[in-house]
Every structure is written in C-alpha cells, then in structure tokens.
Amino acid sequence: LLWRCPPTQRSRLLAGLALAAGVATLLLLPHLLWNMHNGWPTLHHTLDITVHGGGANTTNRAAGLGHKLGSVLEFSLGQLLLLGPAGLAMLAMSWKRRQPVDQPAAGQPALWSALGYAWAFAWPLLALGLLQALNAKAQVNWALPALLGVCLAAGWLTWRSRISCKTLAAWVLVGLALSAAIALGGDLKRWIGAPVAAGKPAWDIWSRMRGWHEALGALQPVLAPQRDLPWVMDDRALLVQTGYELRQLQPSLQSWSADGQVRHHFDWKQPFRPEQNPQGAIFLGQGEPPAGLLARYPGSRLLAHSDSGRVHLQAWLLQGQPASKAGNEESSR
C-alpha cells in the first residue's frame, strides 16, 4: 500500500499503519502471554500442520505436480465458496473493467486509496495461502481475513461501474444458488437416490458434523449411571460433541494429554489428573484408552461401543484393578 500511494501521502499513511499495528499488538498481547506461559501451543500447532508435516503433509509433498496444482485449485475454489455472491460479483466486475469506466470527478478519492487499499489488504494472505497449497494442503479458511479486502474491492467496482440494481440482484441470486449447490449438493444427490461411484468419496462437506447424535445417543443409557465419574477424552472434537449431545447429563468432561502439552482450551482448563481420581473415570474414544491411562488403571474394561456409520465410539470404565480381584481381596480380609 505504501508503494502504491502518492509520495506526498506516505507519511500520513505510515502513521495510520503504525497506529493500527500498535492497536493490534495490544489486542494480541493477552493471547501471546497465554502462549508464553503454556509452551506456545498455537505456534507448535501451526508448525506441525504447515512445516513439520504429519502424514498428510508428507504425502502431499511427495506427490507430483498434478497433485500440487489440484491443491491450489481446491484452495482457490474454496475462496469463491467462502465469498459466495461477492465472489461471483468480483468475477463479473473484473470482466466489466475491460470496458472503459468514467474517471473520478475532481475531489473524489484517487484509485489507490480505495481499490488499492482493498487489494493490499487481500493479496498477501491469498498469496501465502496459494504457496501453502503448493507446499502441502491449505485449509480454505486460513486466508479468510483477505476476503474482507476482496469484498471491499467488489463493492467499489460495483459503485464505479454504475451497475443497476437488477443486475446486482441477479448476480447475488446466482451466487446464492451456487453456494447452496456446493453446500447441499451431496444431500440433494442422496435425496434423489443418486448412487456414489465405487471407490470415490461421497460429496458431503458436512461429513465431520454427521453421526455424532446417533453414536452418542446409543451410549447414553450406559453413560447415564456413570455421570458422577469424570469423563475423559483425548480428542477435542469428541469433547465438544459429547458436551452438546449429552448436555442433559451434565457430565464432568476432562481432557487427557499424554505428554502434558497444552494443545487446546480443554487441556488448559479441564485437564484430567489420574492421581486426583483414584476411584476411576470413564474414557470415550474411537478405540481403547491410551497406554498411559491403561497403565494407571490396569482394571479397565469396555462398557459399550456404538457405530453410526460415520462415527465409531467406545466407552471404557477406568479402574485400578479388576472387580473380581478387588472382591477376592475384600473376602480374604
């Protein structure tokens, strides 16, 4: 933005940017202090998914050029999905700008102060997202703040090009229909009975949100009598879904981190301490409890399991020793 603006206005612009940076630093200070006192979990998480690379990142980096270009295309189309009607308007406006438009009248803001600001706000984040998509896999929401600049540019171009209300309404309606088709396309195919091709995943962008109600509901009769024990999970999504689906039981939800690292909010505010729970606990997960928990509770046993087709869960009772052994010791005494 400093490079684009007239030299006579750079000092004022620089002062405004410095003020904005100061306000942003003050707003981020509590977050930075929390990270500093908790082992920088935000930084570790970001490095893990972008630089260090788990299995998915390693696979993507080893893939060929076609896979990388597909990742870039997926990220780019994802930005249009997030933009919705504004994205379609931007494409239309970019095409219409090939035709001459009236120059701003005297006293109106120069081009750099409106459109230049919008693009300067948008393109650095979008460029970083595209580079990350080439390097590994970029989630579509990573560059979300950039869309504010894109929307500003779309609004400015719409006003400068003197688009009629009817034309603008048509773009918005088409954009809404496109967004709805992408969001609900998988449901529409299932409703009309369209089969899924063998070996190909179903078109379902809501897959992470489906199946929890059925899987947790099936476990509710078994878990209800155990509401006095803490319920332990090592997965953040499962903690959130359980807290909502079984809210009527008001369970005490706690998070287990094997290495003690603070990975998210639940590790910080609701950590599970085995030494503080000698009476045992309930473990919920996709499989058996982690080795660290089984070592502390050697008498653990499976209570029930459920399968909704998308979500597979097991409920375990964590206890210090098997019930039969404890009963024999009590009888001998």
Protein backbone atom coordinates (compact mmCIF):
# COMPACT_ATOMS: atom_id res chain seq x y z
CA LEU A 1 0.00 0.00 0.00
CA LEU A 2 2.88 2.37 0.79
CA TRP A 3 4.40 1.56 -2.59
CA ARG A 4 1.14 2.32 -4.43
CA CYS A 5 0.20 5.56 -2.73
CA PRO A 6 1.40 9.02 -3.85
CA PRO A 7 4.69 10.07 -2.16
CA THR A 8 3.04 13.16 -0.66
CA GLN A 9 0.63 10.97 1.35
CA ARG A 10 3.03 8.25 2.54
CA SER A 11 3.81 9.91 5.87
CA ARG A 12 0.13 10.11 6.83
CA LEU A 13 -0.46 6.56 5.65
CA LEU A 14 2.58 5.31 7.57
CA ALA A 15 1.30 6.97 10.74
CA GLY A 16 -2.07 5.25 10.31
CA LEU A 17 -0.43 1.88 9.74
CA ALA A 18 1.75 2.34 12.83
CA LEU A 19 -1.33 3.15 14.90
CA ALA A 20 -3.11 0.07 13.56
CA ALA A 21 -0.08 -2.10 14.36
CA GLY A 22 0.01 -0.73 17.91
CA VAL A 23 -3.68 -1.45 18.48
CA ALA A 24 -3.27 -4.96 17.02
CA THR A 25 -0.33 -5.64 19.33
CA LEU A 26 -2.33 -4.59 22.39
CA LEU A 27 -5.23 -6.82 21.31
CA LEU A 28 -2.91 -9.80 20.78
CA LEU A 29 -0.90 -9.28 23.97
CA PRO A 30 -3.13 -11.45 26.22
CA HIS A 31 -3.02 -14.25 23.65
CA LEU A 32 0.77 -14.00 23.36
CA LEU A 33 1.21 -14.00 27.15
CA TRP A 34 -1.01 -17.08 27.46
CA ASN A 35 1.04 -18.85 24.79
CA MET A 36 4.29 -17.92 26.51
CA HIS A 37 3.13 -19.41 29.82
CA ASN A 38 1.71 -22.59 28.19
CA GLY A 39 4.54 -23.67 25.93
CA TRP A 40 3.45 -21.85 22.75
CA PRO A 41 0.71 -24.33 21.70
CA THR A 42 -0.53 -22.08 18.88
CA LEU A 43 2.96 -21.92 17.36
CA HIS A 44 3.52 -25.68 17.75
CA HIS A 45 0.16 -26.44 16.14
CA THR A 46 0.83 -24.11 13.22
CA LEU A 47 4.32 -25.52 12.64
CA ASP A 48 3.03 -29.06 12.85
CA ILE A 49 0.44 -28.62 10.10
CA THR A 50 2.49 -26.35 7.83
CA VAL A 51 6.21 -27.06 8.27
CA HIS A 52 6.92 -30.25 10.17
CA GLY A 53 4.22 -32.10 8.29
CA GLY A 54 2.34 -35.08 9.63
CA GLY A 55 1.39 -37.95 7.37
CA ALA A 56 -0.87 -35.85 5.14
CA ASN A 57 1.72 -33.12 4.58
CA THR A 58 4.49 -35.64 3.91
CA THR A 59 2.31 -37.40 1.36
CA ASN A 60 1.38 -34.12 -0.34
CA ARG A 61 5.00 -33.00 -0.57
CA ALA A 62 5.96 -36.32 -2.11
CA ALA A 63 3.15 -36.06 -4.66
CA GLY A 64 3.69 -34.86 -8.19
CA LEU A 65 2.96 -31.53 -9.83
CA GLY A 66 -0.58 -32.56 -10.71
CA HIS A 67 -1.45 -33.14 -7.07
CA LYS A 68 0.04 -29.78 -6.08
CA LEU A 69 -1.88 -27.94 -8.80
CA GLY A 70 -5.03 -29.74 -7.67
CA SER A 71 -4.40 -28.49 -4.14
CA VAL A 72 -4.02 -24.92 -5.45
CA LEU A 73 -7.26 -25.26 -7.45
CA GLU A 74 -9.08 -26.62 -4.41
CA PHE A 75 -7.88 -23.69 -2.30
CA SER A 76 -8.85 -21.15 -4.98
CA LEU A 77 -12.34 -22.60 -5.46
CA GLY A 78 -12.71 -22.66 -1.69
CA GLN A 79 -12.17 -18.90 -1.60
CA LEU A 80 -15.04 -18.46 -4.07
CA LEU A 81 -17.21 -20.67 -1.88
CA LEU A 82 -16.42 -18.54 1.18
CA LEU A 83 -17.11 -15.36 -0.77
CA GLY A 84 -20.45 -16.58 -2.06
CA PRO A 85 -22.29 -13.88 -4.05
CA ALA A 86 -19.41 -11.42 -3.61
CA GLY A 87 -17.09 -13.85 -5.40
CA LEU A 88 -19.32 -14.01 -8.45
CA ALA A 89 -19.67 -10.24 -8.41
CA MET A 90 -15.86 -9.90 -8.33
CA LEU A 91 -15.51 -12.10 -11.42
CA ALA A 92 -18.20 -10.13 -13.23
CA MET A 93 -16.64 -6.82 -12.22
CA SER A 94 -13.19 -7.92 -13.35
CA TRP A 95 -14.66 -8.76 -16.77
CA LYS A 96 -16.59 -5.49 -16.98
CA ARG A 97 -13.50 -3.44 -16.13
CA ARG A 98 -12.17 -4.35 -19.55
CA GLN A 99 -14.61 -1.72 -20.74
CA PRO A 100 -13.72 1.93 -20.01
CA VAL A 101 -15.26 3.48 -16.93
CA ASP A 102 -15.71 7.13 -16.08
CA GLN A 103 -12.79 8.80 -14.34
CA PRO A 104 -13.46 10.06 -10.80
CA ALA A 105 -14.52 13.66 -10.59
CA ALA A 106 -12.33 16.32 -9.01
CA GLY A 107 -12.16 15.96 -5.25
CA GLN A 108 -13.07 12.27 -5.23
CA PRO A 109 -10.59 9.74 -3.76
CA ALA A 110 -7.84 8.53 -6.09
CA LEU A 111 -7.81 4.92 -7.24
CA TRP A 112 -5.08 3.84 -4.81
CA SER A 113 -6.98 4.99 -1.74
CA ALA A 114 -9.96 2.70 -2.42
CA LEU A 115 -9.24 -0.20 -4.74
CA GLY A 116 -5.52 -0.16 -3.95
CA TYR A 117 -6.24 -0.41 -0.23
CA ALA A 118 -8.62 -3.31 -0.78
CA TRP A 119 -6.12 -5.29 -2.85
CA ALA A 120 -3.24 -4.51 -0.50
CA PHE A 121 -5.37 -5.94 2.31
CA ALA A 122 -6.16 -9.10 0.34
CA TRP A 123 -3.35 -10.29 -1.89
CA PRO A 124 -0.56 -11.04 0.65
CA LEU A 125 -2.72 -13.52 2.58
CA LEU A 126 -4.08 -15.05 -0.62
CA ALA A 127 -0.52 -15.45 -1.95
CA LEU A 128 0.58 -17.16 1.26
CA GLY A 129 -2.41 -19.49 1.04
CA LEU A 130 -1.53 -20.44 -2.54
CA LEU A 131 2.11 -21.10 -1.57
CA GLN A 132 0.99 -23.28 1.33
CA ALA A 133 -1.36 -25.16 -1.03
CA LEU A 134 1.66 -25.90 -3.25
CA ASN A 135 3.77 -26.96 -0.26
CA ALA A 136 1.17 -29.15 1.42
CA LYS A 137 -2.57 -28.75 1.96
CA ALA A 138 -4.01 -25.32 2.74
CA GLN A 139 -7.33 -25.14 4.54
CA VAL A 140 -9.72 -22.76 2.80
CA ASN A 141 -10.32 -20.70 5.95
CA TRP A 142 -6.63 -19.85 6.52
CA ALA A 143 -6.81 -16.78 4.28
CA LEU A 144 -10.25 -15.74 5.49
CA PRO A 145 -9.27 -12.15 6.56
CA ALA A 146 -8.21 -11.48 2.96
CA LEU A 147 -11.83 -11.78 1.87
CA LEU A 148 -12.63 -8.51 3.63
CA GLY A 149 -10.42 -6.75 1.12
CA VAL A 150 -11.97 -8.67 -1.78
CA CYS A 151 -15.47 -7.66 -0.64
CA LEU A 152 -14.37 -4.02 -0.37
CA ALA A 153 -12.99 -4.22 -3.92
CA ALA A 154 -16.22 -5.79 -5.18
CA GLY A 155 -18.30 -3.03 -3.61
CA TRP A 156 -16.06 -0.29 -5.01
CA LEU A 157 -16.07 -1.77 -8.51
CA THR A 158 -19.85 -2.15 -8.39
CA TRP A 159 -20.26 1.50 -7.48
CA ARG A 160 -17.69 2.76 -10.02
CA SER A 161 -19.17 0.70 -12.84
CA ARG A 162 -22.67 2.03 -12.07
CA ILE A 163 -24.25 -1.40 -12.03
CA SER A 164 -28.04 -1.38 -11.98
CA CYS A 165 -29.92 -2.84 -9.04
CA LYS A 166 -31.44 -5.52 -11.26
CA THR A 167 -28.03 -6.67 -12.48
CA LEU A 168 -26.63 -6.68 -8.96
CA ALA A 169 -29.63 -8.64 -7.68
CA ALA A 170 -29.19 -11.21 -10.46
CA TRP A 171 -25.52 -11.73 -9.51
CA VAL A 172 -26.42 -12.12 -5.85
CA LEU A 173 -29.13 -14.67 -6.62
CA VAL A 174 -26.84 -16.68 -8.89
CA GLY A 175 -24.12 -16.53 -6.24
CA LEU A 176 -26.51 -17.76 -3.56
CA ALA A 177 -27.66 -20.60 -5.82
CA LEU A 178 -24.02 -21.58 -6.50
CA SER A 179 -23.15 -21.57 -2.79
CA ALA A 180 -26.26 -23.58 -1.95
CA ALA A 181 -25.50 -26.12 -4.67
CA ILE A 182 -21.97 -26.64 -3.31
CA ALA A 183 -23.12 -26.82 0.31
CA LEU A 184 -26.15 -29.06 -0.27
CA GLY A 185 -25.14 -30.95 -3.40
CA GLY A 186 -24.32 -34.15 -1.53
CA ASP A 187 -27.65 -34.07 0.30
CA LEU A 188 -29.52 -33.46 -2.94
CA LYS A 189 -27.83 -36.46 -4.57
CA ARG A 190 -28.75 -38.66 -1.61
CA TRP A 191 -32.36 -37.40 -1.56
CA ILE A 192 -32.89 -38.28 -5.22
CA GLY A 193 -31.15 -41.61 -4.76
CA ALA A 194 -28.13 -40.94 -6.98
CA PRO A 195 -25.53 -43.70 -6.35
CA VAL A 196 -21.95 -42.90 -5.32
CA ALA A 197 -19.32 -44.17 -7.74
CA ALA A 198 -17.32 -47.10 -6.41
CA GLY A 199 -14.02 -46.08 -4.87
CA LYS A 200 -14.94 -42.39 -4.72
CA PRO A 201 -15.86 -40.47 -1.56
CA ALA A 202 -19.36 -39.10 -1.21
CA TRP A 203 -19.88 -35.40 -1.84
CA ASP A 204 -20.51 -34.26 1.71
CA ILE A 205 -18.80 -31.14 3.06
CA TRP A 206 -20.64 -31.60 6.37
CA SER A 207 -19.24 -35.10 7.00
CA ARG A 208 -17.38 -34.06 10.15
CA MET A 209 -20.64 -32.93 11.72
CA ARG A 210 -22.71 -36.03 10.98
CA GLY A 211 -23.19 -39.18 13.01
CA TRP A 212 -22.41 -37.78 16.46
CA HIS A 213 -26.04 -37.61 17.57
CA GLU A 214 -26.67 -41.27 16.77
CA ALA A 215 -23.37 -42.60 18.15
CA LEU A 216 -23.51 -40.69 21.44
CA GLY A 217 -27.24 -41.28 21.81
CA ALA A 218 -26.63 -45.02 21.66
CA LEU A 219 -24.11 -44.74 24.51
CA GLN A 220 -26.32 -42.56 26.70
CA PRO A 221 -28.05 -45.43 28.63
CA VAL A 222 -24.65 -46.84 29.59
CA LEU A 223 -23.10 -43.48 30.44
CA ALA A 224 -26.01 -42.05 32.44
CA PRO A 225 -25.29 -44.12 35.60
CA GLN A 226 -21.62 -43.04 35.41
CA ARG A 227 -22.24 -39.29 35.49
CA ASP A 228 -20.54 -38.99 38.91
CA LEU A 229 -17.21 -40.07 37.43
CA PRO A 230 -15.15 -37.74 35.23
CA TRP A 231 -15.44 -38.46 31.51
CA VAL A 232 -12.03 -38.42 29.86
CA MET A 233 -11.28 -37.90 26.17
CA ASP A 234 -8.09 -37.24 24.22
CA ASP A 235 -9.85 -35.73 21.18
CA ARG A 236 -11.06 -32.13 21.10
CA ALA A 237 -13.89 -32.74 18.62
CA LEU A 238 -15.23 -35.59 20.74
CA LEU A 239 -15.16 -33.38 23.84
CA VAL A 240 -17.21 -30.70 22.09
CA GLN A 241 -19.72 -33.11 20.58
CA THR A 242 -20.19 -35.02 23.86
CA GLY A 243 -20.69 -31.83 25.82
CA TYR A 244 -23.51 -30.85 23.46
CA GLU A 245 -25.22 -34.16 22.69
CA LEU A 246 -25.26 -35.37 26.34
CA ARG A 247 -25.68 -31.96 27.95
CA GLN A 248 -28.74 -33.12 29.88
CA LEU A 249 -26.49 -35.48 31.89
CA GLN A 250 -24.20 -32.56 32.84
CA PRO A 251 -21.06 -34.72 32.82
CA SER A 252 -17.67 -33.55 34.07
CA LEU A 253 -15.66 -33.54 30.82
CA GLN A 254 -11.88 -33.66 31.08
CA SER A 255 -9.08 -33.83 28.54
CA TRP A 256 -6.16 -36.26 28.59
CA SER A 257 -2.84 -35.15 27.10
CA ALA A 258 -0.32 -37.99 27.18
CA ASP A 259 2.75 -35.73 27.22
CA GLY A 260 1.16 -32.99 29.32
CA GLN A 261 1.33 -30.47 26.47
CA VAL A 262 -1.41 -27.85 26.31
CA ARG A 263 -2.83 -28.44 22.83
CA HIS A 264 -6.12 -26.57 23.19
CA HIS A 265 -8.54 -24.96 25.61
CA PHE A 266 -9.65 -28.20 27.27
CA ASP A 267 -6.07 -29.24 28.10
CA TRP A 268 -5.66 -25.90 29.85
CA LYS A 269 -8.97 -25.54 31.67
CA GLN A 270 -10.18 -29.14 32.09
CA PRO A 271 -7.13 -31.44 32.33
CA PHE A 272 -7.52 -34.98 33.66
CA ARG A 273 -5.24 -35.82 36.61
CA PRO A 274 -5.20 -39.58 37.34
CA GLU A 275 -3.65 -39.02 40.76
CA GLN A 276 -6.68 -36.93 41.71
CA ASN A 277 -9.13 -39.61 40.56
CA PRO A 278 -8.11 -42.91 42.21
CA GLN A 279 -11.73 -44.08 42.08
CA GLY A 280 -11.55 -44.21 38.29
CA ALA A 281 -13.13 -42.48 35.31
CA ILE A 282 -14.96 -43.05 32.03
CA PHE A 283 -12.94 -42.94 28.82
CA LEU A 284 -14.59 -42.14 25.48
CA GLY A 285 -12.72 -42.60 22.23
CA GLN A 286 -12.60 -44.28 18.85
CA GLY A 287 -10.64 -47.18 20.31
CA GLU A 288 -9.23 -48.42 23.59
CA PRO A 289 -7.73 -45.92 26.08
CA PRO A 290 -4.16 -44.72 25.51
CA ALA A 291 -1.37 -46.80 27.03
CA GLY A 292 -0.69 -44.19 29.68
CA LEU A 293 -4.22 -44.45 31.04
CA LEU A 294 -4.29 -48.26 30.89
CA ALA A 295 -1.03 -48.38 32.85
CA ARG A 296 -2.57 -46.26 35.61
CA TYR A 297 -5.88 -48.15 35.56
CA PRO A 298 -4.99 -51.82 34.89
CA GLY A 299 -8.52 -53.00 35.70
CA SER A 300 -10.15 -51.03 32.88
CA ARG A 301 -12.88 -52.71 30.86
CA LEU A 302 -15.05 -51.96 27.85
CA LEU A 303 -18.58 -50.88 28.77
CA ALA A 304 -20.13 -50.41 25.33
CA HIS A 305 -19.46 -49.37 21.78
CA SER A 306 -21.52 -47.63 19.10
CA ASP A 307 -21.29 -47.15 15.36
CA SER A 308 -23.34 -44.61 13.42
CA GLY A 309 -21.69 -45.40 10.09
CA ARG A 310 -19.55 -42.27 10.29
CA VAL A 311 -18.62 -42.16 13.98
CA HIS A 312 -17.22 -45.17 15.85
CA LEU A 313 -17.01 -44.82 19.64
CA GLN A 314 -16.07 -46.95 22.63
CA ALA A 315 -16.88 -46.28 26.29
CA TRP A 316 -14.46 -47.71 28.87
CA LEU A 317 -14.58 -47.83 32.66
CA LEU A 318 -11.15 -46.92 34.02
CA GLN A 319 -10.49 -48.58 37.36
CA GLY A 320 -7.47 -49.51 39.38
CA GLN A 321 -7.95 -53.28 39.37
CA PRO A 322 -10.50 -55.78 38.09
CA ALA A 323 -13.71 -56.02 40.11
CA SER A 324 -13.25 -59.77 40.72
CA LYS A 325 -9.79 -59.30 42.14
CA ALA A 326 -10.95 -56.49 44.39
CA GLY A 327 -13.81 -58.70 45.65
CA ASN A 328 -11.48 -61.60 46.42
CA GLU A 329 -9.16 -59.33 48.41
CA GLU A 330 -12.15 -57.98 50.37
CA SER A 331 -13.36 -61.54 51.12
CA SER A 332 -9.92 -62.64 52.34
CA ARG A 333 -9.84 -59.72 54.73
